[in-house]
Amino acid sequence: MKFVTVGTAVALLMASASLASAGSWVFNLENKSEAHVTSFRTQEDGSWSQNWLPENVAPGETFDMDFGSDEGECTVRTRIDFSDNTYVDADINYCESSVITVRNKDVVWR
């Protein structure tokens, strides 16, 4: 009976680990620049997506983002536009990011 119980426990642990890893890329977007963030776009097959932001993000604000999926490549070219007509872009690894910080001249993540 112990053998069946251990096997069942292992199966449940594996199933819960799979559920924990399933979901979507969720992260915080921190605006540490001096301008409003007006758009957040990702690139796929050479084209930019629609703006992922429903509203501008003011300097000093943090916005919770959720792509609604975790499928595809982890590293995605991303462009962030500002209200002063400048932008930053970078290849961001969304599989390993929980906070994406935009600054006046660059974007960093952790």
C-alpha atoms as a PDB file:
ATOM      1  CA  MET A   1       0.000   0.000   0.000  1.00  0.00           C
ATOM      2  CA  LYS A   2       2.873   2.410   0.681  1.00  0.00           C
ATOM      3  CA  PHE A   3       4.083   1.909  -2.876  1.00  0.00           C
ATOM      4  CA  VAL A   4       0.761   3.064  -4.325  1.00  0.00           C
ATOM      5  CA  THR A   5       0.618   6.027  -1.933  1.00  0.00           C
ATOM      6  CA  VAL A   6       4.140   7.181  -2.846  1.00  0.00           C
ATOM      7  CA  GLY A   7       3.328   6.801  -6.547  1.00  0.00           C
ATOM      8  CA  THR A   8       0.126   8.789  -6.136  1.00  0.00           C
ATOM      9  CA  ALA A   9       1.960  11.531  -4.223  1.00  0.00           C
ATOM     10  CA  VAL A  10       4.592  11.775  -6.958  1.00  0.00           C
ATOM     11  CA  ALA A  11       1.894  11.978  -9.646  1.00  0.00           C
ATOM     12  CA  LEU A  12       0.048  14.732  -7.752  1.00  0.00           C
ATOM     13  CA  LEU A  13       3.279  16.668  -7.244  1.00  0.00           C
ATOM     14  CA  MET A  14       4.111  16.457 -10.946  1.00  0.00           C
ATOM     15  CA  ALA A  15       0.595  17.552 -11.907  1.00  0.00           C
ATOM     16  CA  SER A  16       0.656  20.533  -9.570  1.00  0.00           C
ATOM     17  CA  ALA A  17       4.109  21.528 -10.855  1.00  0.00           C
ATOM     18  CA  SER A  18       2.724  21.499 -14.404  1.00  0.00           C
ATOM     19  CA  LEU A  19      -0.224  23.654 -13.379  1.00  0.00           C
ATOM     20  CA  ALA A  20       2.049  26.100 -11.589  1.00  0.00           C
ATOM     21  CA  SER A  21       4.179  26.558 -14.704  1.00  0.00           C
ATOM     22  CA  ALA A  22       1.166  26.922 -17.006  1.00  0.00           C
ATOM     23  CA  GLY A  23      -0.424  30.313 -17.395  1.00  0.00           C
ATOM     24  CA  SER A  24       0.771  33.546 -18.872  1.00  0.00           C
ATOM     25  CA  TRP A  25       3.604  36.017 -18.790  1.00  0.00           C
ATOM     26  CA  VAL A  26       2.678  38.386 -15.982  1.00  0.00           C
ATOM     27  CA  PHE A  27       4.960  41.235 -14.960  1.00  0.00           C
ATOM     28  CA  ASN A  28       5.066  44.776 -13.622  1.00  0.00           C
ATOM     29  CA  LEU A  29       5.982  47.614 -15.950  1.00  0.00           C
ATOM     30  CA  GLU A  30       7.779  50.342 -13.986  1.00  0.00           C
ATOM     31  CA  ASN A  31       8.116  53.760 -15.571  1.00  0.00           C
ATOM     32  CA  LYS A  32      11.311  55.329 -14.213  1.00  0.00           C
ATOM     33  CA  SER A  33      11.593  57.761 -17.132  1.00  0.00           C
ATOM     34  CA  GLU A  34      10.733  61.448 -17.243  1.00  0.00           C
ATOM     35  CA  ALA A  35       7.910  60.980 -19.795  1.00  0.00           C
ATOM     36  CA  HIS A  36       4.665  59.011 -19.996  1.00  0.00           C
ATOM     37  CA  VAL A  37       4.872  55.545 -21.559  1.00  0.00           C
ATOM     38  CA  THR A  38       2.368  55.718 -24.417  1.00  0.00           C
ATOM     39  CA  SER A  39       2.768  52.283 -25.990  1.00  0.00           C
ATOM     40  CA  PHE A  40       4.248  48.854 -25.336  1.00  0.00           C
ATOM     41  CA  ARG A  41       4.608  46.691 -28.457  1.00  0.00           C
ATOM     42  CA  THR A  42       6.145  43.311 -29.161  1.00  0.00           C
ATOM     43  CA  GLN A  43       7.518  42.081 -32.474  1.00  0.00           C
ATOM     44  CA  GLU A  44       6.557  38.858 -34.189  1.00  0.00           C
ATOM     45  CA  ASP A  45       7.589  37.850 -37.708  1.00  0.00           C
ATOM     46  CA  GLY A  46       9.006  41.343 -38.311  1.00  0.00           C
ATOM     47  CA  SER A  47       5.805  43.222 -37.440  1.00  0.00           C
ATOM     48  CA  TRP A  48       4.951  45.193 -34.302  1.00  0.00           C
ATOM     49  CA  SER A  49       1.888  44.194 -32.303  1.00  0.00           C
ATOM     50  CA  GLN A  50      -0.932  46.480 -31.312  1.00  0.00           C
ATOM     51  CA  ASN A  51      -0.312  48.521 -28.165  1.00  0.00           C
ATOM     52  CA  TRP A  52      -0.548  46.252 -25.096  1.00  0.00           C
ATOM     53  CA  LEU A  53      -1.350  49.232 -22.837  1.00  0.00           C
ATOM     54  CA  PRO A  54      -4.953  50.390 -22.378  1.00  0.00           C
ATOM     55  CA  GLU A  55      -3.704  53.704 -20.933  1.00  0.00           C
ATOM     56  CA  ASN A  56      -0.531  55.769 -20.560  1.00  0.00           C
ATOM     57  CA  VAL A  57       1.800  55.016 -17.667  1.00  0.00           C
ATOM     58  CA  ALA A  58       2.982  58.196 -15.930  1.00  0.00           C
ATOM     59  CA  PRO A  59       6.526  58.693 -14.637  1.00  0.00           C
ATOM     60  CA  GLY A  60       6.917  56.900 -11.308  1.00  0.00           C
ATOM     61  CA  GLU A  61       3.913  54.621 -11.875  1.00  0.00           C
ATOM     62  CA  THR A  62       3.882  50.827 -12.106  1.00  0.00           C
ATOM     63  CA  PHE A  63       1.406  49.007 -14.351  1.00  0.00           C
ATOM     64  CA  ASP A  64       0.495  45.303 -13.999  1.00  0.00           C
ATOM     65  CA  MET A  65       0.727  43.544 -17.355  1.00  0.00           C
ATOM     66  CA  ASP A  66      -0.439  40.102 -18.482  1.00  0.00           C
ATOM     67  CA  PHE A  67       0.061  38.801 -22.017  1.00  0.00           C
ATOM     68  CA  GLY A  68      -2.611  36.172 -21.439  1.00  0.00           C
ATOM     69  CA  SER A  69      -0.275  33.426 -22.686  1.00  0.00           C
ATOM     70  CA  ASP A  70       3.145  31.957 -22.075  1.00  0.00           C
ATOM     71  CA  GLU A  71       3.425  30.266 -25.474  1.00  0.00           C
ATOM     72  CA  GLY A  72       6.137  31.101 -27.964  1.00  0.00           C
ATOM     73  CA  GLU A  73       9.725  32.213 -27.652  1.00  0.00           C
ATOM     74  CA  CYS A  74      10.795  33.565 -24.269  1.00  0.00           C
ATOM     75  CA  THR A  75      12.867  36.376 -25.762  1.00  0.00           C
ATOM     76  CA  VAL A  76      10.813  38.899 -27.704  1.00  0.00           C
ATOM     77  CA  ARG A  77      11.841  42.194 -29.305  1.00  0.00           C
ATOM     78  CA  THR A  78       9.935  44.909 -27.458  1.00  0.00           C
ATOM     79  CA  ARG A  79       9.465  48.618 -28.207  1.00  0.00           C
ATOM     80  CA  ILE A  80       8.282  51.124 -25.613  1.00  0.00           C
ATOM     81  CA  ASP A  81       7.258  54.612 -26.804  1.00  0.00           C
ATOM     82  CA  PHE A  82       7.220  57.784 -24.706  1.00  0.00           C
ATOM     83  CA  SER A  83       5.135  60.964 -24.819  1.00  0.00           C
ATOM     84  CA  ASP A  84       8.234  62.999 -25.798  1.00  0.00           C
ATOM     85  CA  ASN A  85       8.426  61.082 -29.148  1.00  0.00           C
ATOM     86  CA  THR A  86      11.387  58.928 -28.052  1.00  0.00           C
ATOM     87  CA  TYR A  87      11.413  55.173 -27.546  1.00  0.00           C
ATOM     88  CA  VAL A  88      13.512  52.317 -26.218  1.00  0.00           C
ATOM     89  CA  ASP A  89      13.634  48.802 -27.556  1.00  0.00           C
ATOM     90  CA  ALA A  90      15.287  45.585 -26.455  1.00  0.00           C
ATOM     91  CA  ASP A  91      15.108  41.809 -26.631  1.00  0.00           C
ATOM     92  CA  ILE A  92      13.349  40.946 -23.347  1.00  0.00           C
ATOM     93  CA  ASN A  93      13.263  37.445 -21.864  1.00  0.00           C
ATOM     94  CA  TYR A  94       9.687  37.237 -20.566  1.00  0.00           C
ATOM     95  CA  CYS A  95      10.186  33.748 -19.097  1.00  0.00           C
ATOM     96  CA  GLU A  96      12.622  35.200 -16.566  1.00  0.00           C
ATOM     97  CA  SER A  97      11.073  38.652 -15.977  1.00  0.00           C
ATOM     98  CA  SER A  98       8.773  39.765 -13.210  1.00  0.00           C
ATOM     99  CA  VAL A  99       9.588  43.486 -13.388  1.00  0.00           C
ATOM    100  CA  ILE A 100      10.402  45.462 -16.531  1.00  0.00           C
ATOM    101  CA  THR A 101      11.748  48.946 -15.834  1.00  0.00           C
ATOM    102  CA  VAL A 102      11.839  51.631 -18.516  1.00  0.00           C
ATOM    103  CA  ARG A 103      14.167  54.567 -18.108  1.00  0.00           C
ATOM    104  CA  ASN A 104      14.914  57.562 -20.347  1.00  0.00           C
ATOM    105  CA  LYS A 105      17.445  55.749 -22.546  1.00  0.00           C
ATOM    106  CA  ASP A 106      16.994  52.019 -21.872  1.00  0.00           C
ATOM    107  CA  VAL A 107      14.893  49.179 -20.495  1.00  0.00           C
ATOM    108  CA  VAL A 108      16.003  46.593 -17.922  1.00  0.00           C
ATOM    109  CA  TRP A 109      14.295  43.581 -16.412  1.00  0.00           C
ATOM    110  CA  ARG A 110      14.612  41.191 -13.497  1.00  0.00           C
END
